[in-house]
């Protein structure tokens, strides 16, 4: 017997209008499109509207793509999940444990101190690094931000969300592949799978039909260009759209991007206990209990960016909510069944 779909398009319309949502909502249930609509402006000043093909920054949703990049290199036999990261690329920070593995970095269990702590969005909106964001072009540029502090805990001891770990993984991708992080992700994940629009773009050279990110300051909308690194460094910064993200999920579960063995590793909880609100974490993605299985999803939050996407492989169901405002997705997500 099929599960009854509890979904009202009119309710979502009403909620998005009420919250002045700016972004895209795309819902597929059992291979049938249930909702597909864009709201608001990609460029507020020029009144350029968002559409279903608009590219949006997905913040920490980028971590899934960094994980896929690592998976591709593992499938090539260049290293393994349990290879010590230091053997692949040495950060030369003597306070960090030599026992941190690729698996620890992918699962937020490394114990490394973090350069960018995502605990308070108000703090993020006012975050000012000691090193200018416009100089953060390559993952290795982030090394100046890495704290030379003691480990927070022993590798593998527990889960603690960590951005530095995924920047470190991006450095490893560069070092092992011989390509820039941008080149590797675009060529090996997007272009190789026929996705022509998604990619890594610097703030000063965005692709056509890309949404600017906005924060609300004293009642006025301001661009987020001074609040984030100029280009993706492994923990954030990728741009994609509703249709291409769906293909990524489908190809992931068809083992077209990484091997079936690694797909299984990705969707297996890496800690025995749930890590946040009953949810678990695999490798590069979150896992939410649903019926008798775990449904993978990814999320992203940054100044001027909010994002969530999930994929249920058992029901061929897909959700994609993205906004070019800080709270946009979180204001309307309650109206979409999870």
C-alpha atoms as a PDB file:
ATOM      1  CA  UNK A   1       0.000   0.000   0.000  1.00  0.00           C
ATOM      2  CA  UNK A   2       1.414   3.384  -0.976  1.00  0.00           C
ATOM      3  CA  UNK A   3       2.091   5.960   1.696  1.00  0.00           C
ATOM      4  CA  UNK A   4      -0.452   8.743   1.550  1.00  0.00           C
ATOM      5  CA  UNK A   5       1.117  11.985   0.367  1.00  0.00           C
ATOM      6  CA  UNK A   6       0.264  14.811   2.759  1.00  0.00           C
ATOM      7  CA  UNK A   7       1.144  17.785   0.580  1.00  0.00           C
ATOM      8  CA  UNK A   8      -0.794  20.917  -0.355  1.00  0.00           C
ATOM      9  CA  UNK A   9       0.545  23.140  -3.134  1.00  0.00           C
ATOM     10  CA  UNK A  10      -1.800  25.939  -2.130  1.00  0.00           C
ATOM     11  CA  UNK A  11      -0.487  25.839   1.446  1.00  0.00           C
ATOM     12  CA  UNK A  12       3.100  26.106   0.205  1.00  0.00           C
ATOM     13  CA  UNK A  13       2.118  28.973  -2.119  1.00  0.00           C
ATOM     14  CA  UNK A  14       0.460  30.785   0.751  1.00  0.00           C
ATOM     15  CA  UNK A  15       3.384  30.235   3.119  1.00  0.00           C
ATOM     16  CA  UNK A  16       5.960  31.401   0.571  1.00  0.00           C
ATOM     17  CA  UNK A  17       3.960  34.541  -0.177  1.00  0.00           C
ATOM     18  CA  UNK A  18       3.392  35.223   3.519  1.00  0.00           C
ATOM     19  CA  UNK A  19       7.102  34.876   4.350  1.00  0.00           C
ATOM     20  CA  UNK A  20       8.168  36.792   1.220  1.00  0.00           C
ATOM     21  CA  UNK A  21      10.266  33.796   0.272  1.00  0.00           C
ATOM     22  CA  UNK A  22      12.978  34.309  -2.338  1.00  0.00           C
ATOM     23  CA  UNK A  23      14.231  31.122  -3.950  1.00  0.00           C
ATOM     24  CA  UNK A  24      13.067  27.805  -5.362  1.00  0.00           C
ATOM     25  CA  UNK A  25      10.947  24.937  -4.057  1.00  0.00           C
ATOM     26  CA  UNK A  26      10.987  21.710  -6.060  1.00  0.00           C
ATOM     27  CA  UNK A  27       9.250  18.571  -4.776  1.00  0.00           C
ATOM     28  CA  UNK A  28       9.099  15.176  -6.489  1.00  0.00           C
ATOM     29  CA  UNK A  29       7.150  12.262  -4.994  1.00  0.00           C
ATOM     30  CA  UNK A  30       7.433   8.804  -6.561  1.00  0.00           C
ATOM     31  CA  UNK A  31       8.817  10.250  -9.810  1.00  0.00           C
ATOM     32  CA  UNK A  32       5.944  12.747 -10.102  1.00  0.00           C
ATOM     33  CA  UNK A  33       6.561  16.485  -9.779  1.00  0.00           C
ATOM     34  CA  UNK A  34       4.323  17.697  -6.957  1.00  0.00           C
ATOM     35  CA  UNK A  35       5.586  21.268  -6.747  1.00  0.00           C
ATOM     36  CA  UNK A  36       7.928  23.401  -8.835  1.00  0.00           C
ATOM     37  CA  UNK A  37       8.024  27.136  -8.353  1.00  0.00           C
ATOM     38  CA  UNK A  38      10.445  30.057  -8.069  1.00  0.00           C
ATOM     39  CA  UNK A  39       9.856  33.171  -5.967  1.00  0.00           C
ATOM     40  CA  UNK A  40      11.508  36.538  -5.469  1.00  0.00           C
ATOM     41  CA  UNK A  41      14.508  38.138  -7.074  1.00  0.00           C
ATOM     42  CA  UNK A  42      17.935  36.842  -8.039  1.00  0.00           C
ATOM     43  CA  UNK A  43      19.002  40.491  -8.253  1.00  0.00           C
ATOM     44  CA  UNK A  44      16.932  42.838  -6.121  1.00  0.00           C
ATOM     45  CA  UNK A  45      18.352  46.051  -7.594  1.00  0.00           C
ATOM     46  CA  UNK A  46      17.766  45.047 -11.219  1.00  0.00           C
ATOM     47  CA  UNK A  47      14.491  43.239 -10.380  1.00  0.00           C
ATOM     48  CA  UNK A  48      15.756  40.083 -12.093  1.00  0.00           C
ATOM     49  CA  UNK A  49      13.476  37.274 -10.969  1.00  0.00           C
ATOM     50  CA  UNK A  50      14.493  33.823  -9.785  1.00  0.00           C
ATOM     51  CA  UNK A  51      13.434  30.957 -12.039  1.00  0.00           C
ATOM     52  CA  UNK A  52      13.658  27.165 -11.911  1.00  0.00           C
ATOM     53  CA  UNK A  53      17.041  27.234 -13.684  1.00  0.00           C
ATOM     54  CA  UNK A  54      18.601  29.897 -11.476  1.00  0.00           C
ATOM     55  CA  UNK A  55      21.876  28.860  -9.857  1.00  0.00           C
ATOM     56  CA  UNK A  56      22.089  29.306  -6.091  1.00  0.00           C
ATOM     57  CA  UNK A  57      24.950  29.000  -3.642  1.00  0.00           C
ATOM     58  CA  UNK A  58      24.335  26.003  -1.349  1.00  0.00           C
ATOM     59  CA  UNK A  59      26.801  26.774   1.481  1.00  0.00           C
ATOM     60  CA  UNK A  60      27.558  23.590   3.439  1.00  0.00           C
ATOM     61  CA  UNK A  61      25.716  21.472   0.886  1.00  0.00           C
ATOM     62  CA  UNK A  62      29.128  21.721  -0.800  1.00  0.00           C
ATOM     63  CA  UNK A  63      30.502  19.217   1.713  1.00  0.00           C
ATOM     64  CA  UNK A  64      28.640  16.418  -0.087  1.00  0.00           C
ATOM     65  CA  UNK A  65      30.481  17.286  -3.303  1.00  0.00           C
ATOM     66  CA  UNK A  66      33.827  17.412  -1.521  1.00  0.00           C
ATOM     67  CA  UNK A  67      33.034  13.955  -0.133  1.00  0.00           C
ATOM     68  CA  UNK A  68      32.178  12.716  -3.636  1.00  0.00           C
ATOM     69  CA  UNK A  69      35.500  14.076  -4.897  1.00  0.00           C
ATOM     70  CA  UNK A  70      37.317  12.122  -2.188  1.00  0.00           C
ATOM     71  CA  UNK A  71      35.264   9.034  -3.083  1.00  0.00           C
ATOM     72  CA  UNK A  72      36.334   9.276  -6.724  1.00  0.00           C
ATOM     73  CA  UNK A  73      39.997   9.261  -5.683  1.00  0.00           C
ATOM     74  CA  UNK A  74      39.390   6.307  -3.346  1.00  0.00           C
ATOM     75  CA  UNK A  75      37.759   4.379  -6.192  1.00  0.00           C
ATOM     76  CA  UNK A  76      40.909   5.006  -8.224  1.00  0.00           C
ATOM     77  CA  UNK A  77      42.897   3.199  -5.541  1.00  0.00           C
ATOM     78  CA  UNK A  78      44.907   6.259  -4.484  1.00  0.00           C
ATOM     79  CA  UNK A  79      44.067   5.892  -0.771  1.00  0.00           C
ATOM     80  CA  UNK A  80      41.365   4.488   1.520  1.00  0.00           C
ATOM     81  CA  UNK A  81      38.792   5.800   3.973  1.00  0.00           C
ATOM     82  CA  UNK A  82      41.012   4.828   6.873  1.00  0.00           C
ATOM     83  CA  UNK A  83      44.238   6.285   5.459  1.00  0.00           C
ATOM     84  CA  UNK A  84      45.732   8.879   7.842  1.00  0.00           C
ATOM     85  CA  UNK A  85      45.183  12.304   6.276  1.00  0.00           C
ATOM     86  CA  UNK A  86      48.706  13.402   7.193  1.00  0.00           C
ATOM     87  CA  UNK A  87      50.143  10.740   4.872  1.00  0.00           C
ATOM     88  CA  UNK A  88      48.355  12.424   1.945  1.00  0.00           C
ATOM     89  CA  UNK A  89      48.898  16.068   2.820  1.00  0.00           C
ATOM     90  CA  UNK A  90      50.627  17.346   5.944  1.00  0.00           C
ATOM     91  CA  UNK A  91      49.177  20.544   7.392  1.00  0.00           C
ATOM     92  CA  UNK A  92      52.333  20.962   9.504  1.00  0.00           C
ATOM     93  CA  UNK A  93      50.296  21.926  12.560  1.00  0.00           C
ATOM     94  CA  UNK A  94      51.891  20.000  15.413  1.00  0.00           C
ATOM     95  CA  UNK A  95      48.902  20.309  17.742  1.00  0.00           C
ATOM     96  CA  UNK A  96      46.773  18.124  15.422  1.00  0.00           C
ATOM     97  CA  UNK A  97      46.705  14.362  15.883  1.00  0.00           C
ATOM     98  CA  UNK A  98      48.594  12.149  13.427  1.00  0.00           C
ATOM     99  CA  UNK A  99      45.711   9.654  13.725  1.00  0.00           C
ATOM    100  CA  UNK A 100      43.091  11.716  11.860  1.00  0.00           C
ATOM    101  CA  UNK A 101      41.871   9.629   8.932  1.00  0.00           C
ATOM    102  CA  UNK A 102      39.891  10.461   5.798  1.00  0.00           C
ATOM    103  CA  UNK A 103      36.856   8.829   7.438  1.00  0.00           C
ATOM    104  CA  UNK A 104      37.192  11.085  10.485  1.00  0.00           C
ATOM    105  CA  UNK A 105      37.279  14.191   8.285  1.00  0.00           C
ATOM    106  CA  UNK A 106      34.268  13.071   6.227  1.00  0.00           C
ATOM    107  CA  UNK A 107      32.198  12.264   9.313  1.00  0.00           C
ATOM    108  CA  UNK A 108      33.021  15.285  11.517  1.00  0.00           C
ATOM    109  CA  UNK A 109      34.712  13.024  14.079  1.00  0.00           C
ATOM    110  CA  UNK A 110      38.295  14.272  13.638  1.00  0.00           C
ATOM    111  CA  UNK A 111      38.463  16.381  16.794  1.00  0.00           C
ATOM    112  CA  UNK A 112      40.259  19.183  14.925  1.00  0.00           C
ATOM    113  CA  UNK A 113      39.579  22.732  16.117  1.00  0.00           C
ATOM    114  CA  UNK A 114      37.431  24.612  13.605  1.00  0.00           C
ATOM    115  CA  UNK A 115      38.193  27.913  11.873  1.00  0.00           C
ATOM    116  CA  UNK A 116      34.486  28.716  11.361  1.00  0.00           C
ATOM    117  CA  UNK A 117      32.011  27.726  14.066  1.00  0.00           C
ATOM    118  CA  UNK A 118      28.381  27.623  12.908  1.00  0.00           C
ATOM    119  CA  UNK A 119      26.530  27.966  16.201  1.00  0.00           C
ATOM    120  CA  UNK A 120      24.842  31.345  15.934  1.00  0.00           C
ATOM    121  CA  UNK A 121      23.627  32.785  12.620  1.00  0.00           C
ATOM    122  CA  UNK A 122      23.712  36.297  14.079  1.00  0.00           C
ATOM    123  CA  UNK A 123      27.386  35.755  14.801  1.00  0.00           C
ATOM    124  CA  UNK A 124      27.913  34.439  11.255  1.00  0.00           C
ATOM    125  CA  UNK A 125      26.338  37.562   9.777  1.00  0.00           C
ATOM    126  CA  UNK A 126      28.955  39.627  11.626  1.00  0.00           C
ATOM    127  CA  UNK A 127      31.872  37.211  11.239  1.00  0.00           C
ATOM    128  CA  UNK A 128      35.101  39.030  10.374  1.00  0.00           C
ATOM    129  CA  UNK A 129      38.139  36.840   9.786  1.00  0.00           C
ATOM    130  CA  UNK A 130      41.660  38.030  10.523  1.00  0.00           C
ATOM    131  CA  UNK A 131      42.524  37.236   6.902  1.00  0.00           C
ATOM    132  CA  UNK A 132      40.517  38.965   4.131  1.00  0.00           C
ATOM    133  CA  UNK A 133      37.922  36.759   2.462  1.00  0.00           C
ATOM    134  CA  UNK A 134      38.840  38.003  -1.020  1.00  0.00           C
ATOM    135  CA  UNK A 135      42.201  36.227  -0.711  1.00  0.00           C
ATOM    136  CA  UNK A 136      40.564  32.813  -0.092  1.00  0.00           C
ATOM    137  CA  UNK A 137      40.690  31.535  -3.673  1.00  0.00           C
ATOM    138  CA  UNK A 138      42.154  28.043  -3.127  1.00  0.00           C
ATOM    139  CA  UNK A 139      41.669  25.611  -0.203  1.00  0.00           C
ATOM    140  CA  UNK A 140      45.330  26.015   0.794  1.00  0.00           C
ATOM    141  CA  UNK A 141      44.713  29.745   1.246  1.00  0.00           C
ATOM    142  CA  UNK A 142      42.575  28.824   4.274  1.00  0.00           C
ATOM    143  CA  UNK A 143      45.568  27.471   6.191  1.00  0.00           C
ATOM    144  CA  UNK A 144      46.244  30.910   7.666  1.00  0.00           C
ATOM    145  CA  UNK A 145      42.820  30.670   9.361  1.00  0.00           C
ATOM    146  CA  UNK A 146      43.341  27.205  10.871  1.00  0.00           C
ATOM    147  CA  UNK A 147      43.720  27.537  14.672  1.00  0.00           C
ATOM    148  CA  UNK A 148      46.921  26.122  16.147  1.00  0.00           C
ATOM    149  CA  UNK A 149      45.064  24.893  19.214  1.00  0.00           C
ATOM    150  CA  UNK A 150      44.934  21.546  20.961  1.00  0.00           C
ATOM    151  CA  UNK A 151      42.620  18.854  19.610  1.00  0.00           C
ATOM    152  CA  UNK A 152      39.068  19.079  20.977  1.00  0.00           C
ATOM    153  CA  UNK A 153      38.941  15.299  21.408  1.00  0.00           C
ATOM    154  CA  UNK A 154      40.652  12.156  20.151  1.00  0.00           C
ATOM    155  CA  UNK A 155      39.849  11.240  16.516  1.00  0.00           C
ATOM    156  CA  UNK A 156      36.764   9.043  16.300  1.00  0.00           C
ATOM    157  CA  UNK A 157      35.703   9.740  19.887  1.00  0.00           C
ATOM    158  CA  UNK A 158      32.539  11.651  18.973  1.00  0.00           C
ATOM    159  CA  UNK A 159      30.799  13.872  16.423  1.00  0.00           C
ATOM    160  CA  UNK A 160      31.310  17.623  16.278  1.00  0.00           C
ATOM    161  CA  UNK A 161      30.479  19.568  13.125  1.00  0.00           C
ATOM    162  CA  UNK A 162      33.672  20.881  11.577  1.00  0.00           C
ATOM    163  CA  UNK A 163      34.317  23.086   8.544  1.00  0.00           C
ATOM    164  CA  UNK A 164      38.116  22.875   8.716  1.00  0.00           C
ATOM    165  CA  UNK A 165      37.961  19.130   8.080  1.00  0.00           C
ATOM    166  CA  UNK A 166      36.298  19.619   4.693  1.00  0.00           C
ATOM    167  CA  UNK A 167      38.717  22.366   3.685  1.00  0.00           C
ATOM    168  CA  UNK A 168      41.465  19.880   4.573  1.00  0.00           C
ATOM    169  CA  UNK A 169      39.776  17.285   2.331  1.00  0.00           C
ATOM    170  CA  UNK A 170      39.721  19.815  -0.520  1.00  0.00           C
ATOM    171  CA  UNK A 171      43.470  20.347  -0.043  1.00  0.00           C
ATOM    172  CA  UNK A 172      43.936  16.580  -0.309  1.00  0.00           C
ATOM    173  CA  UNK A 173      41.872  16.490  -3.514  1.00  0.00           C
ATOM    174  CA  UNK A 174      44.152  19.146  -5.002  1.00  0.00           C
ATOM    175  CA  UNK A 175      47.374  17.554  -3.833  1.00  0.00           C
ATOM    176  CA  UNK A 176      46.529  14.002  -4.939  1.00  0.00           C
ATOM    177  CA  UNK A 177      44.756  14.828  -8.213  1.00  0.00           C
ATOM    178  CA  UNK A 178      47.160  17.516  -9.392  1.00  0.00           C
ATOM    179  CA  UNK A 179      44.177  19.712 -10.301  1.00  0.00           C
ATOM    180  CA  UNK A 180      42.654  22.662  -8.502  1.00  0.00           C
ATOM    181  CA  UNK A 181      39.659  21.875  -6.289  1.00  0.00           C
ATOM    182  CA  UNK A 182      37.477  23.874  -8.706  1.00  0.00           C
ATOM    183  CA  UNK A 183      38.733  21.977 -11.764  1.00  0.00           C
ATOM    184  CA  UNK A 184      38.398  18.565 -10.148  1.00  0.00           C
ATOM    185  CA  UNK A 185      34.841  19.048  -8.860  1.00  0.00           C
ATOM    186  CA  UNK A 186      33.600  20.654 -12.064  1.00  0.00           C
ATOM    187  CA  UNK A 187      35.237  18.129 -14.393  1.00  0.00           C
ATOM    188  CA  UNK A 188      34.851  14.891 -12.433  1.00  0.00           C
ATOM    189  CA  UNK A 189      31.402  15.433 -10.898  1.00  0.00           C
ATOM    190  CA  UNK A 190      29.511  17.988 -12.968  1.00  0.00           C
ATOM    191  CA  UNK A 191      30.779  17.916 -16.559  1.00  0.00           C
ATOM    192  CA  UNK A 192      31.485  14.173 -16.655  1.00  0.00           C
ATOM    193  CA  UNK A 193      27.851  13.590 -15.739  1.00  0.00           C
ATOM    194  CA  UNK A 194      26.461  16.023 -18.299  1.00  0.00           C
ATOM    195  CA  UNK A 195      25.764  18.894 -15.912  1.00  0.00           C
ATOM    196  CA  UNK A 196      26.732  22.051 -17.734  1.00  0.00           C
ATOM    197  CA  UNK A 197      25.678  24.806 -15.320  1.00  0.00           C
ATOM    198  CA  UNK A 198      26.591  23.827 -11.755  1.00  0.00           C
ATOM    199  CA  UNK A 199      30.056  24.756 -10.615  1.00  0.00           C
ATOM    200  CA  UNK A 200      32.412  26.812  -8.505  1.00  0.00           C
ATOM    201  CA  UNK A 201      32.371  30.520  -9.321  1.00  0.00           C
ATOM    202  CA  UNK A 202      34.082  33.446  -7.595  1.00  0.00           C
ATOM    203  CA  UNK A 203      31.863  36.300  -6.414  1.00  0.00           C
ATOM    204  CA  UNK A 204      33.399  38.626  -9.001  1.00  0.00           C
ATOM    205  CA  UNK A 205      32.722  36.268 -11.939  1.00  0.00           C
ATOM    206  CA  UNK A 206      29.368  34.575 -11.401  1.00  0.00           C
ATOM    207  CA  UNK A 207      27.750  32.513 -14.146  1.00  0.00           C
ATOM    208  CA  UNK A 208      24.665  33.880 -15.990  1.00  0.00           C
ATOM    209  CA  UNK A 209      21.320  33.376 -14.210  1.00  0.00           C
ATOM    210  CA  UNK A 210      22.888  33.149 -10.752  1.00  0.00           C
ATOM    211  CA  UNK A 211      21.192  34.541  -7.653  1.00  0.00           C
ATOM    212  CA  UNK A 212      22.988  37.065  -5.501  1.00  0.00           C
ATOM    213  CA  UNK A 213      22.824  36.331  -1.767  1.00  0.00           C
ATOM    214  CA  UNK A 214      21.236  38.915   0.528  1.00  0.00           C
ATOM    215  CA  UNK A 215      21.175  39.734   4.227  1.00  0.00           C
ATOM    216  CA  UNK A 216      18.704  42.090   5.869  1.00  0.00           C
ATOM    217  CA  UNK A 217      20.412  44.996   7.622  1.00  0.00           C
ATOM    218  CA  UNK A 218      18.411  47.792   9.248  1.00  0.00           C
ATOM    219  CA  UNK A 219      15.457  47.025   6.985  1.00  0.00           C
ATOM    220  CA  UNK A 220      17.524  47.053   3.792  1.00  0.00           C
ATOM    221  CA  UNK A 221      18.763  44.147   1.675  1.00  0.00           C
ATOM    222  CA  UNK A 222      22.547  44.006   1.347  1.00  0.00           C
ATOM    223  CA  UNK A 223      24.689  41.699  -0.794  1.00  0.00           C
ATOM    224  CA  UNK A 224      26.652  39.047   1.127  1.00  0.00           C
ATOM    225  CA  UNK A 225      29.819  39.427  -0.981  1.00  0.00           C
ATOM    226  CA  UNK A 226      31.927  40.702   1.940  1.00  0.00           C
ATOM    227  CA  UNK A 227      30.726  38.021   4.370  1.00  0.00           C
ATOM    228  CA  UNK A 228      31.957  34.864   2.648  1.00  0.00           C
ATOM    229  CA  UNK A 229      35.137  33.619   0.919  1.00  0.00           C
ATOM    230  CA  UNK A 230      35.395  34.729  -2.686  1.00  0.00           C
ATOM    231  CA  UNK A 231      35.530  31.111  -3.922  1.00  0.00           C
ATOM    232  CA  UNK A 232      34.666  27.631  -2.637  1.00  0.00           C
ATOM    233  CA  UNK A 233      37.255  26.019  -0.394  1.00  0.00           C
ATOM    234  CA  UNK A 234      35.691  22.626   0.279  1.00  0.00           C
ATOM    235  CA  UNK A 235      33.229  23.447   3.054  1.00  0.00           C
ATOM    236  CA  UNK A 236      30.982  25.773   1.044  1.00  0.00           C
ATOM    237  CA  UNK A 237      30.705  27.803  -2.144  1.00  0.00           C
ATOM    238  CA  UNK A 238      29.274  25.504  -4.822  1.00  0.00           C
ATOM    239  CA  UNK A 239      26.409  26.767  -7.019  1.00  0.00           C
ATOM    240  CA  UNK A 240      23.726  24.508  -8.449  1.00  0.00           C
ATOM    241  CA  UNK A 241      20.075  24.468  -9.513  1.00  0.00           C
ATOM    242  CA  UNK A 242      17.030  22.317  -8.825  1.00  0.00           C
ATOM    243  CA  UNK A 243      17.245  20.095 -11.898  1.00  0.00           C
ATOM    244  CA  UNK A 244      20.983  19.398 -11.735  1.00  0.00           C
ATOM    245  CA  UNK A 245      20.958  18.600  -8.008  1.00  0.00           C
ATOM    246  CA  UNK A 246      18.293  15.972  -8.725  1.00  0.00           C
ATOM    247  CA  UNK A 247      20.574  14.321 -11.284  1.00  0.00           C
ATOM    248  CA  UNK A 248      23.434  14.268  -8.765  1.00  0.00           C
ATOM    249  CA  UNK A 249      21.251  12.386  -6.261  1.00  0.00           C
ATOM    250  CA  UNK A 250      20.046   9.936  -8.908  1.00  0.00           C
ATOM    251  CA  UNK A 251      23.552   9.255 -10.220  1.00  0.00           C
ATOM    252  CA  UNK A 252      24.864   8.903  -6.671  1.00  0.00           C
ATOM    253  CA  UNK A 253      22.402   6.089  -5.945  1.00  0.00           C
ATOM    254  CA  UNK A 254      23.003   4.480  -9.340  1.00  0.00           C
ATOM    255  CA  UNK A 255      26.734   4.355  -8.468  1.00  0.00           C
ATOM    256  CA  UNK A 256      27.605   6.494 -11.480  1.00  0.00           C
ATOM    257  CA  UNK A 257      29.720   8.926  -9.451  1.00  0.00           C
ATOM    258  CA  UNK A 258      31.282   6.632  -6.862  1.00  0.00           C
ATOM    259  CA  UNK A 259      31.183   2.853  -6.410  1.00  0.00           C
ATOM    260  CA  UNK A 260      28.264   1.028  -4.808  1.00  0.00           C
ATOM    261  CA  UNK A 261      30.546   0.069  -1.925  1.00  0.00           C
ATOM    262  CA  UNK A 262      31.288   3.720  -1.174  1.00  0.00           C
ATOM    263  CA  UNK A 263      27.651   4.754  -1.607  1.00  0.00           C
ATOM    264  CA  UNK A 264      26.831   2.275   1.135  1.00  0.00           C
ATOM    265  CA  UNK A 265      29.589   3.759   3.325  1.00  0.00           C
ATOM    266  CA  UNK A 266      28.258   7.272   2.726  1.00  0.00           C
ATOM    267  CA  UNK A 267      24.739   6.378   3.914  1.00  0.00           C
ATOM    268  CA  UNK A 268      25.871   4.391   6.961  1.00  0.00           C
ATOM    269  CA  UNK A 269      25.861   6.248  10.322  1.00  0.00           C
ATOM    270  CA  UNK A 270      29.417   6.821  11.504  1.00  0.00           C
ATOM    271  CA  UNK A 271      28.444   7.046  15.172  1.00  0.00           C
ATOM    272  CA  UNK A 272      26.332   4.568  17.125  1.00  0.00           C
ATOM    273  CA  UNK A 273      24.112   7.305  18.520  1.00  0.00           C
ATOM    274  CA  UNK A 274      22.229  10.069  16.712  1.00  0.00           C
ATOM    275  CA  UNK A 275      24.124  13.336  16.598  1.00  0.00           C
ATOM    276  CA  UNK A 276      21.430  16.015  16.193  1.00  0.00           C
ATOM    277  CA  UNK A 277      17.659  15.976  16.766  1.00  0.00           C
ATOM    278  CA  UNK A 278      17.528  12.217  16.268  1.00  0.00           C
ATOM    279  CA  UNK A 279      19.413  12.398  12.967  1.00  0.00           C
ATOM    280  CA  UNK A 280      22.689  10.669  12.150  1.00  0.00           C
ATOM    281  CA  UNK A 281      25.665  11.611  10.019  1.00  0.00           C
ATOM    282  CA  UNK A 282      27.236   9.428   7.353  1.00  0.00           C
ATOM    283  CA  UNK A 283      30.057  10.627   5.111  1.00  0.00           C
ATOM    284  CA  UNK A 284      29.384  14.106   3.763  1.00  0.00           C
ATOM    285  CA  UNK A 285      25.627  13.923   4.364  1.00  0.00           C
ATOM    286  CA  UNK A 286      22.973  13.742   7.064  1.00  0.00           C
ATOM    287  CA  UNK A 287      20.691  10.748   7.649  1.00  0.00           C
ATOM    288  CA  UNK A 288      17.120  11.067   8.920  1.00  0.00           C
ATOM    289  CA  UNK A 289      15.191   8.045  10.268  1.00  0.00           C
ATOM    290  CA  UNK A 290      12.174   7.356   8.055  1.00  0.00           C
ATOM    291  CA  UNK A 291      10.039   4.243   8.485  1.00  0.00           C
ATOM    292  CA  UNK A 292      12.617   1.427   8.632  1.00  0.00           C
ATOM    293  CA  UNK A 293      15.510   3.177   6.903  1.00  0.00           C
ATOM    294  CA  UNK A 294      17.589   6.352   6.874  1.00  0.00           C
ATOM    295  CA  UNK A 295      16.956   9.070   4.275  1.00  0.00           C
ATOM    296  CA  UNK A 296      19.971  11.158   3.232  1.00  0.00           C
ATOM    297  CA  UNK A 297      19.834  14.927   3.057  1.00  0.00           C
ATOM    298  CA  UNK A 298      22.193  17.891   2.891  1.00  0.00           C
ATOM    299  CA  UNK A 299      21.799  21.399   4.257  1.00  0.00           C
ATOM    300  CA  UNK A 300      23.567  24.731   4.054  1.00  0.00           C
ATOM    301  CA  UNK A 301      23.399  27.981   6.026  1.00  0.00           C
ATOM    302  CA  UNK A 302      25.442  31.125   5.521  1.00  0.00           C
ATOM    303  CA  UNK A 303      24.757  34.854   5.396  1.00  0.00           C
ATOM    304  CA  UNK A 304      22.471  35.251   2.385  1.00  0.00           C
ATOM    305  CA  UNK A 305      22.126  31.488   1.811  1.00  0.00           C
ATOM    306  CA  UNK A 306      19.781  28.749   3.072  1.00  0.00           C
ATOM    307  CA  UNK A 307      19.478  25.333   1.479  1.00  0.00           C
ATOM    308  CA  UNK A 308      18.118  21.818   1.994  1.00  0.00           C
ATOM    309  CA  UNK A 309      17.904  18.860  -0.350  1.00  0.00           C
ATOM    310  CA  UNK A 310      16.947  15.246   0.302  1.00  0.00           C
ATOM    311  CA  UNK A 311      16.491  12.102  -1.748  1.00  0.00           C
ATOM    312  CA  UNK A 312      14.536   8.974  -0.876  1.00  0.00           C
ATOM    313  CA  UNK A 313      15.897   6.192  -3.115  1.00  0.00           C
ATOM    314  CA  UNK A 314      13.119   3.794  -2.128  1.00  0.00           C
ATOM    315  CA  UNK A 315      10.363   6.123  -3.327  1.00  0.00           C
ATOM    316  CA  UNK A 316      12.271   8.121  -5.974  1.00  0.00           C
ATOM    317  CA  UNK A 317      11.296  11.224  -4.033  1.00  0.00           C
ATOM    318  CA  UNK A 318      13.322  14.421  -4.114  1.00  0.00           C
ATOM    319  CA  UNK A 319      13.194  17.733  -2.279  1.00  0.00           C
ATOM    320  CA  UNK A 320      15.100  20.882  -3.118  1.00  0.00           C
ATOM    321  CA  UNK A 321      14.582  24.121  -1.211  1.00  0.00           C
ATOM    322  CA  UNK A 322      17.007  26.971  -1.671  1.00  0.00           C
ATOM    323  CA  UNK A 323      16.935  30.674  -0.932  1.00  0.00           C
ATOM    324  CA  UNK A 324      19.233  33.614  -1.550  1.00  0.00           C
ATOM    325  CA  UNK A 325      18.427  34.955   1.912  1.00  0.00           C
ATOM    326  CA  UNK A 326      19.733  33.821   5.296  1.00  0.00           C
ATOM    327  CA  UNK A 327      16.443  32.524   6.718  1.00  0.00           C
ATOM    328  CA  UNK A 328      14.393  31.925   3.582  1.00  0.00           C
ATOM    329  CA  UNK A 329      14.311  28.122   3.595  1.00  0.00           C
ATOM    330  CA  UNK A 330      13.924  27.869   7.367  1.00  0.00           C
ATOM    331  CA  UNK A 331      10.886  30.194   7.219  1.00  0.00           C
ATOM    332  CA  UNK A 332       8.976  27.896   4.831  1.00  0.00           C
ATOM    333  CA  UNK A 333      10.343  24.395   5.378  1.00  0.00           C
ATOM    334  CA  UNK A 334       7.606  23.562   7.874  1.00  0.00           C
ATOM    335  CA  UNK A 335       5.127  23.612   4.980  1.00  0.00           C
ATOM    336  CA  UNK A 336       6.937  20.844   3.122  1.00  0.00           C
ATOM    337  CA  UNK A 337       6.731  17.273   4.375  1.00  0.00           C
ATOM    338  CA  UNK A 338      10.140  15.921   5.377  1.00  0.00           C
END
